[in-house]
N, C-alpha and C. Protein backbone atom coordinates (compact mmCIF):
# COMPACT_ATOMS: atom_id res chain seq x y z
N MET A 1 -4.48 -145.56 50.02
CA MET A 1 -3.76 -146.15 51.13
C MET A 1 -3.44 -147.61 50.82
N PRO A 2 -2.24 -148.00 51.10
CA PRO A 2 -1.88 -149.40 50.85
C PRO A 2 -2.50 -150.33 51.89
N ASN A 3 -2.73 -151.57 51.46
CA ASN A 3 -3.30 -152.57 52.37
C ASN A 3 -2.24 -153.53 52.89
N ILE A 4 -1.19 -153.72 52.12
CA ILE A 4 -0.15 -154.68 52.49
C ILE A 4 0.81 -154.03 53.48
N ALA A 5 1.24 -154.79 54.46
CA ALA A 5 2.08 -154.26 55.54
C ALA A 5 3.39 -153.68 55.01
N SER A 6 4.02 -154.37 54.08
CA SER A 6 5.29 -153.87 53.56
C SER A 6 5.10 -152.57 52.77
N ALA A 7 3.96 -152.45 52.10
CA ALA A 7 3.68 -151.22 51.37
C ALA A 7 3.43 -150.06 52.33
N LYS A 8 2.79 -150.37 53.45
CA LYS A 8 2.57 -149.33 54.47
C LYS A 8 3.91 -148.86 55.04
N LYS A 9 4.79 -149.82 55.31
CA LYS A 9 6.11 -149.48 55.85
C LYS A 9 6.90 -148.66 54.83
N ASN A 10 6.86 -149.06 53.56
CA ASN A 10 7.56 -148.30 52.53
C ASN A 10 7.04 -146.88 52.43
N MET A 11 5.74 -146.70 52.61
CA MET A 11 5.16 -145.36 52.57
C MET A 11 5.66 -144.53 53.76
N ARG A 12 5.73 -145.13 54.93
CA ARG A 12 6.26 -144.42 56.10
C ARG A 12 7.71 -144.03 55.86
N LYS A 13 8.49 -144.96 55.33
CA LYS A 13 9.90 -144.69 55.08
C LYS A 13 10.08 -143.58 54.05
N SER A 14 9.31 -143.62 53.00
CA SER A 14 9.46 -142.60 51.95
C SER A 14 9.03 -141.23 52.44
N ARG A 15 8.01 -141.18 53.30
CA ARG A 15 7.59 -139.88 53.87
C ARG A 15 8.67 -139.28 54.74
N SER A 16 9.29 -140.11 55.59
CA SER A 16 10.33 -139.58 56.48
C SER A 16 11.56 -139.19 55.68
N ALA A 17 11.90 -139.97 54.65
CA ALA A 17 13.04 -139.63 53.80
C ALA A 17 12.77 -138.35 53.03
N MET A 18 11.55 -138.17 52.57
CA MET A 18 11.20 -136.97 51.83
C MET A 18 11.33 -135.73 52.72
N ALA A 19 10.87 -135.84 53.95
CA ALA A 19 10.98 -134.72 54.89
C ALA A 19 12.44 -134.40 55.20
N ARG A 20 13.23 -135.45 55.40
CA ARG A 20 14.66 -135.27 55.69
C ARG A 20 15.38 -134.64 54.50
N ASN A 21 15.10 -135.14 53.29
CA ASN A 21 15.73 -134.60 52.09
C ASN A 21 15.33 -133.15 51.86
N ARG A 22 14.08 -132.83 52.11
CA ARG A 22 13.60 -131.46 51.92
C ARG A 22 14.33 -130.50 52.86
N ALA A 23 14.51 -130.91 54.10
CA ALA A 23 15.19 -130.05 55.09
C ALA A 23 16.66 -129.87 54.71
N GLN A 24 17.31 -130.95 54.30
CA GLN A 24 18.73 -130.87 53.92
C GLN A 24 18.92 -130.04 52.67
N ARG A 25 18.03 -130.20 51.70
CA ARG A 25 18.12 -129.44 50.45
C ARG A 25 17.91 -127.95 50.72
N SER A 26 16.98 -127.64 51.62
CA SER A 26 16.71 -126.25 51.98
C SER A 26 17.92 -125.63 52.66
N ALA A 27 18.52 -126.37 53.59
CA ALA A 27 19.72 -125.87 54.28
C ALA A 27 20.86 -125.66 53.30
N LEU A 28 20.99 -126.57 52.34
CA LEU A 28 22.04 -126.45 51.33
C LEU A 28 21.83 -125.21 50.47
N ARG A 29 20.61 -125.00 50.03
CA ARG A 29 20.31 -123.83 49.19
C ARG A 29 20.55 -122.53 49.95
N THR A 30 20.18 -122.50 51.22
CA THR A 30 20.41 -121.30 52.03
C THR A 30 21.90 -121.02 52.17
N ALA A 31 22.68 -122.07 52.42
CA ALA A 31 24.13 -121.91 52.55
C ALA A 31 24.75 -121.43 51.24
N LEU A 32 24.27 -121.96 50.12
CA LEU A 32 24.79 -121.53 48.82
C LEU A 32 24.47 -120.06 48.56
N LYS A 33 23.27 -119.64 48.90
CA LYS A 33 22.90 -118.23 48.71
C LYS A 33 23.76 -117.32 49.57
N LYS A 34 23.98 -117.72 50.82
CA LYS A 34 24.84 -116.93 51.70
C LYS A 34 26.26 -116.85 51.14
N ALA A 35 26.77 -117.97 50.65
CA ALA A 35 28.13 -118.00 50.12
C ALA A 35 28.25 -117.15 48.85
N HIS A 36 27.22 -117.13 48.03
CA HIS A 36 27.27 -116.35 46.80
C HIS A 36 27.13 -114.86 47.06
N THR A 37 26.34 -114.48 48.07
CA THR A 37 26.15 -113.06 48.34
C THR A 37 27.34 -112.45 49.07
N SER A 38 27.94 -113.20 49.98
CA SER A 38 29.10 -112.70 50.70
C SER A 38 30.34 -113.42 50.21
N VAL A 39 30.87 -112.97 49.10
CA VAL A 39 31.99 -113.65 48.44
C VAL A 39 33.24 -113.60 49.30
N THR A 40 33.39 -112.55 50.11
CA THR A 40 34.62 -112.39 50.88
C THR A 40 34.64 -113.24 52.14
N SER A 41 33.49 -113.69 52.63
CA SER A 41 33.42 -114.46 53.87
C SER A 41 33.81 -115.92 53.62
N THR A 42 34.90 -116.34 54.23
CA THR A 42 35.34 -117.72 54.06
C THR A 42 34.53 -118.69 54.91
N ASP A 43 33.94 -118.19 56.02
CA ASP A 43 33.12 -119.07 56.86
C ASP A 43 31.90 -119.57 56.10
N ASP A 44 31.22 -118.66 55.39
CA ASP A 44 30.05 -119.04 54.62
C ASP A 44 30.42 -120.02 53.51
N GLN A 45 31.55 -119.79 52.88
CA GLN A 45 31.99 -120.69 51.81
C GLN A 45 32.36 -122.06 52.35
N THR A 46 33.02 -122.09 53.49
CA THR A 46 33.40 -123.36 54.11
C THR A 46 32.16 -124.17 54.47
N THR A 47 31.17 -123.50 55.03
CA THR A 47 29.91 -124.16 55.38
C THR A 47 29.23 -124.73 54.14
N ALA A 48 29.20 -123.92 53.08
CA ALA A 48 28.55 -124.36 51.84
C ALA A 48 29.29 -125.55 51.24
N VAL A 49 30.61 -125.53 51.25
CA VAL A 49 31.39 -126.64 50.69
C VAL A 49 31.15 -127.91 51.50
N THR A 50 31.11 -127.78 52.82
CA THR A 50 30.85 -128.94 53.67
C THR A 50 29.48 -129.54 53.38
N LEU A 51 28.47 -128.68 53.26
CA LEU A 51 27.12 -129.17 52.98
C LEU A 51 27.03 -129.78 51.58
N LEU A 52 27.75 -129.19 50.62
CA LEU A 52 27.76 -129.75 49.27
C LEU A 52 28.38 -131.14 49.26
N ASP A 53 29.51 -131.29 49.95
CA ASP A 53 30.17 -132.59 50.02
C ASP A 53 29.28 -133.63 50.68
N ARG A 54 28.64 -133.24 51.76
CA ARG A 54 27.77 -134.17 52.47
C ARG A 54 26.57 -134.57 51.61
N ALA A 55 25.98 -133.57 50.92
CA ALA A 55 24.82 -133.86 50.08
C ALA A 55 25.19 -134.79 48.94
N ALA A 56 26.37 -134.60 48.37
CA ALA A 56 26.82 -135.47 47.28
C ALA A 56 27.10 -136.88 47.80
N ARG A 57 27.70 -136.96 48.97
CA ARG A 57 28.02 -138.26 49.55
C ARG A 57 26.75 -139.04 49.89
N LYS A 58 25.73 -138.35 50.38
CA LYS A 58 24.49 -139.00 50.78
C LYS A 58 23.55 -139.25 49.60
N GLY A 59 23.87 -138.70 48.43
CA GLY A 59 23.03 -138.91 47.26
C GLY A 59 21.92 -137.89 47.11
N LEU A 60 21.97 -136.83 47.86
CA LEU A 60 20.95 -135.80 47.75
C LEU A 60 21.11 -135.03 46.44
N ILE A 61 22.35 -134.76 46.05
CA ILE A 61 22.65 -134.17 44.76
C ILE A 61 23.73 -135.01 44.09
N HIS A 62 23.91 -134.84 42.82
CA HIS A 62 24.92 -135.59 42.08
C HIS A 62 26.30 -135.02 42.41
N LYS A 63 27.31 -135.86 42.36
CA LYS A 63 28.66 -135.42 42.73
C LYS A 63 29.18 -134.35 41.77
N ASN A 64 28.80 -134.43 40.49
CA ASN A 64 29.24 -133.41 39.54
C ASN A 64 28.56 -132.06 39.81
N THR A 65 27.34 -132.09 40.30
CA THR A 65 26.63 -130.86 40.66
C THR A 65 27.35 -130.19 41.82
N ALA A 66 27.75 -130.97 42.80
CA ALA A 66 28.49 -130.43 43.94
C ALA A 66 29.82 -129.84 43.47
N ALA A 67 30.50 -130.55 42.59
CA ALA A 67 31.79 -130.07 42.08
C ALA A 67 31.61 -128.78 41.30
N ARG A 68 30.55 -128.70 40.52
CA ARG A 68 30.28 -127.48 39.74
C ARG A 68 30.03 -126.29 40.64
N HIS A 69 29.22 -126.48 41.67
CA HIS A 69 28.95 -125.39 42.62
C HIS A 69 30.23 -124.94 43.32
N LYS A 70 31.04 -125.91 43.76
CA LYS A 70 32.29 -125.59 44.45
C LYS A 70 33.25 -124.84 43.53
N SER A 71 33.32 -125.27 42.29
CA SER A 71 34.20 -124.63 41.33
C SER A 71 33.78 -123.19 41.06
N ARG A 72 32.50 -122.98 40.91
CA ARG A 72 32.01 -121.61 40.65
C ARG A 72 32.22 -120.70 41.85
N MET A 73 32.06 -121.27 43.06
CA MET A 73 32.32 -120.48 44.26
C MET A 73 33.78 -120.08 44.35
N ALA A 74 34.67 -121.03 44.07
CA ALA A 74 36.10 -120.76 44.13
C ALA A 74 36.50 -119.73 43.09
N LYS A 75 35.92 -119.84 41.92
CA LYS A 75 36.22 -118.89 40.84
C LYS A 75 35.78 -117.48 41.21
N LYS A 76 34.59 -117.39 41.82
CA LYS A 76 34.06 -116.10 42.25
C LYS A 76 34.90 -115.51 43.37
N ALA A 77 35.36 -116.35 44.30
CA ALA A 77 36.18 -115.88 45.42
C ALA A 77 37.53 -115.40 44.92
N ALA A 78 38.09 -116.11 43.93
CA ALA A 78 39.39 -115.70 43.39
C ALA A 78 39.28 -114.38 42.64
N ALA A 79 38.17 -114.17 41.97
CA ALA A 79 37.96 -112.92 41.23
C ALA A 79 37.74 -111.73 42.17
N ALA A 80 37.19 -112.02 43.37
CA ALA A 80 36.91 -110.95 44.34
C ALA A 80 38.18 -110.47 45.03
N LYS A 81 39.22 -111.32 45.05
CA LYS A 81 40.45 -110.96 45.75
C LYS A 81 41.35 -110.09 44.93
């Protein structure tokens, strides 16, 4: 346990950020799985793309990772049609 006040505050901040990031990452992964399993559903893909863009913007994932996921989803959707 930290003794300095600023270190205590940093620990509180990092714990809350970790919990927030974990929840957002979990929601993103769930949306990606739904989008990959139901290739024909555009609602699931739209949700996944929105979450990918938001995660990349917020720094949860790298922007190239988001682009790669989006590209693979689009490629899979085009092949299904």
